[in-house]
C-alpha atoms as a PDB file:
ATOM      1  CA  MET A   1      56.297 122.449 139.981  1.00  0.00           C
ATOM      2  CA  VAL A   2      54.707 124.064 142.991  1.00  0.00           C
ATOM      3  CA  THR A   3      53.326 121.899 145.792  1.00  0.00           C
ATOM      4  CA  ASP A   4      51.644 122.691 149.048  1.00  0.00           C
ATOM      5  CA  ASN A   5      53.220 122.081 152.449  1.00  0.00           C
ATOM      6  CA  HIS A   6      52.253 118.385 152.416  1.00  0.00           C
ATOM      7  CA  GLY A   7      53.937 117.615 149.075  1.00  0.00           C
ATOM      8  CA  SER A   8      50.717 116.662 147.322  1.00  0.00           C
ATOM      9  CA  ILE A   9      49.899 117.292 143.667  1.00  0.00           C
ATOM     10  CA  PRO A  10      48.371 120.655 142.893  1.00  0.00           C
ATOM     11  CA  PRO A  11      44.704 120.334 141.887  1.00  0.00           C
ATOM     12  CA  ARG A  12      45.217 121.576 138.291  1.00  0.00           C
ATOM     13  CA  GLU A  13      47.982 119.148 137.321  1.00  0.00           C
ATOM     14  CA  ASN A  14      47.136 115.927 135.499  1.00  0.00           C
ATOM     15  CA  PRO A  15      47.962 112.985 137.834  1.00  0.00           C
ATOM     16  CA  LEU A  16      48.934 110.703 134.935  1.00  0.00           C
ATOM     17  CA  LEU A  17      51.425 113.189 133.540  1.00  0.00           C
ATOM     18  CA  TYR A  18      52.766 113.760 137.044  1.00  0.00           C
ATOM     19  CA  TRP A  19      53.277 110.002 137.485  1.00  0.00           C
ATOM     20  CA  LEU A  20      54.991 109.671 134.091  1.00  0.00           C
ATOM     21  CA  ARG A  21      57.347 112.512 134.843  1.00  0.00           C
ATOM     22  CA  GLU A  22      58.181 111.561 138.415  1.00  0.00           C
ATOM     23  CA  SER A  23      58.301 107.757 138.115  1.00  0.00           C
ATOM     24  CA  LEU A  24      59.648 107.171 134.616  1.00  0.00           C
ATOM     25  CA  GLY A  25      61.490 110.370 133.970  1.00  0.00           C
ATOM     26  CA  ALA A  26      59.279 111.139 130.973  1.00  0.00           C
ATOM     27  CA  THR A  27      59.745 114.879 130.771  1.00  0.00           C
ATOM     28  CA  SER A  28      59.335 115.577 127.059  1.00  0.00           C
ATOM     29  CA  LYS A  29      57.888 114.112 123.868  1.00  0.00           C
ATOM     30  CA  ARG A  30      61.328 112.868 122.889  1.00  0.00           C
ATOM     31  CA  ASN A  31      61.767 111.033 126.156  1.00  0.00           C
ATOM     32  CA  ILE A  32      58.333 109.411 125.850  1.00  0.00           C
ATOM     33  CA  ALA A  33      59.138 108.392 122.262  1.00  0.00           C
ATOM     34  CA  ALA A  34      62.353 106.758 123.483  1.00  0.00           C
ATOM     35  CA  TRP A  35      60.379 104.741 126.046  1.00  0.00           C
ATOM     36  CA  GLY A  36      57.956 103.692 123.310  1.00  0.00           C
ATOM     37  CA  MET A  37      60.797 102.591 121.060  1.00  0.00           C
ATOM     38  CA  ALA A  38      62.399 100.619 123.897  1.00  0.00           C
ATOM     39  CA  GLY A  39      59.079  98.896 124.555  1.00  0.00           C
ATOM     40  CA  ALA A  40      58.639  98.009 120.872  1.00  0.00           C
ATOM     41  CA  ILE A  41      62.163  96.580 120.644  1.00  0.00           C
ATOM     42  CA  ALA A  42      61.635  94.549 123.820  1.00  0.00           C
ATOM     43  CA  TYR A  43      58.375  93.193 122.363  1.00  0.00           C
ATOM     44  CA  TRP A  44      60.048  92.064 119.139  1.00  0.00           C
ATOM     45  CA  LEU A  45      63.036  90.558 120.969  1.00  0.00           C
ATOM     46  CA  TRP A  46      61.159  88.604 123.642  1.00  0.00           C
ATOM     47  CA  VAL A  47      57.416  88.286 122.992  1.00  0.00           C
ATOM     48  CA  VAL A  48      57.359  87.499 119.265  1.00  0.00           C
ATOM     49  CA  PRO A  49      59.943  84.667 119.433  1.00  0.00           C
ATOM     50  CA  GLN A  50      58.090  83.164 122.404  1.00  0.00           C
ATOM     51  CA  GLN A  51      54.815  83.200 120.459  1.00  0.00           C
ATOM     52  CA  GLU A  52      56.477  81.528 117.468  1.00  0.00           C
ATOM     53  CA  GLU A  53      57.992  78.841 119.698  1.00  0.00           C
ATOM     54  CA  GLU A  54      54.621  78.225 121.335  1.00  0.00           C
ATOM     55  CA  ALA A  55      52.965  77.852 117.914  1.00  0.00           C
ATOM     56  CA  LYS A  56      55.605  75.287 116.876  1.00  0.00           C
ATOM     57  CA  ARG A  57      55.062  73.290 120.070  1.00  0.00           C
ATOM     58  CA  LYS A  58      51.296  73.346 119.547  1.00  0.00           C
ATOM     59  CA  ALA A  59      51.723  72.095 115.964  1.00  0.00           C
ATOM     60  CA  ILE A  60      53.940  69.216 117.161  1.00  0.00           C
ATOM     61  CA  VAL A  61      51.413  68.194 119.809  1.00  0.00           C
ATOM     62  CA  GLU A  62      48.553  68.283 117.293  1.00  0.00           C
ATOM     63  CA  GLU A  63      50.606  66.228 114.819  1.00  0.00           C
ATOM     64  CA  TRP A  64      51.291  63.543 117.426  1.00  0.00           C
ATOM     65  CA  GLN A  65      47.658  63.521 118.516  1.00  0.00           C
ATOM     66  CA  ASN A  66      46.537  62.972 114.921  1.00  0.00           C
ATOM     67  CA  LYS A  67      49.115  60.195 114.444  1.00  0.00           C
ATOM     68  CA  TYR A  68      47.923  58.462 117.589  1.00  0.00           C
ATOM     69  CA  LYS A  69      44.264  58.716 116.524  1.00  0.00           C
ATOM     70  CA  THR A  70      44.945  57.072 113.157  1.00  0.00           C
ATOM     71  CA  SER A  71      47.068  54.163 114.472  1.00  0.00           C
ATOM     72  CA  PRO A  72      47.198  54.027 118.281  1.00  0.00           C
ATOM     73  CA  GLY A  73      48.880  50.610 118.480  1.00  0.00           C
ATOM     74  CA  GLN A  74      51.953  51.823 116.657  1.00  0.00           C
ATOM     75  CA  TYR A  75      52.715  54.487 119.275  1.00  0.00           C
ATOM     76  CA  SER A  76      51.869  52.544 122.448  1.00  0.00           C
ATOM     77  CA  PRO A  77      54.648  51.504 124.845  1.00  0.00           C
ATOM     78  CA  ALA A  78      56.282  48.099 124.327  1.00  0.00           C
ATOM     79  CA  GLY A  79      54.485  45.350 126.198  1.00  0.00           C
ATOM     80  CA  PHE A  80      51.377  47.442 126.787  1.00  0.00           C
ATOM     81  CA  LYS A  81      48.191  45.435 126.483  1.00  0.00           C
ATOM     82  CA  ASP A  82      44.912  47.215 126.105  1.00  0.00           C
ATOM     83  CA  PRO A  83      42.486  45.890 128.753  1.00  0.00           C
ATOM     84  CA  ALA A  84      39.555  46.353 126.364  1.00  0.00           C
ATOM     85  CA  LYS A  85      41.144  44.034 123.785  1.00  0.00           C
ATOM     86  CA  GLN A  86      42.081  41.294 126.278  1.00  0.00           C
ATOM     87  CA  GLN A  87      38.536  39.946 126.564  1.00  0.00           C
END
């Protein structure tokens, strides 16, 4: 790659491709494919399990909310007296 005296990018070169090559070492289609594969594996190892865990937690919270709505006295703390029912 030819640069001017200031080290800037020549006007004809694509800045995105320059950034990929210089920052990530993406110099060929094979190298870019390897980065894509690494990203996909990282997604399936970290993001997907986290989403599944979050869905389970949300289901548990909704289940407890529904249980409390149907019979709130059963799930209240021991000794708790509802001020509305005291009158």
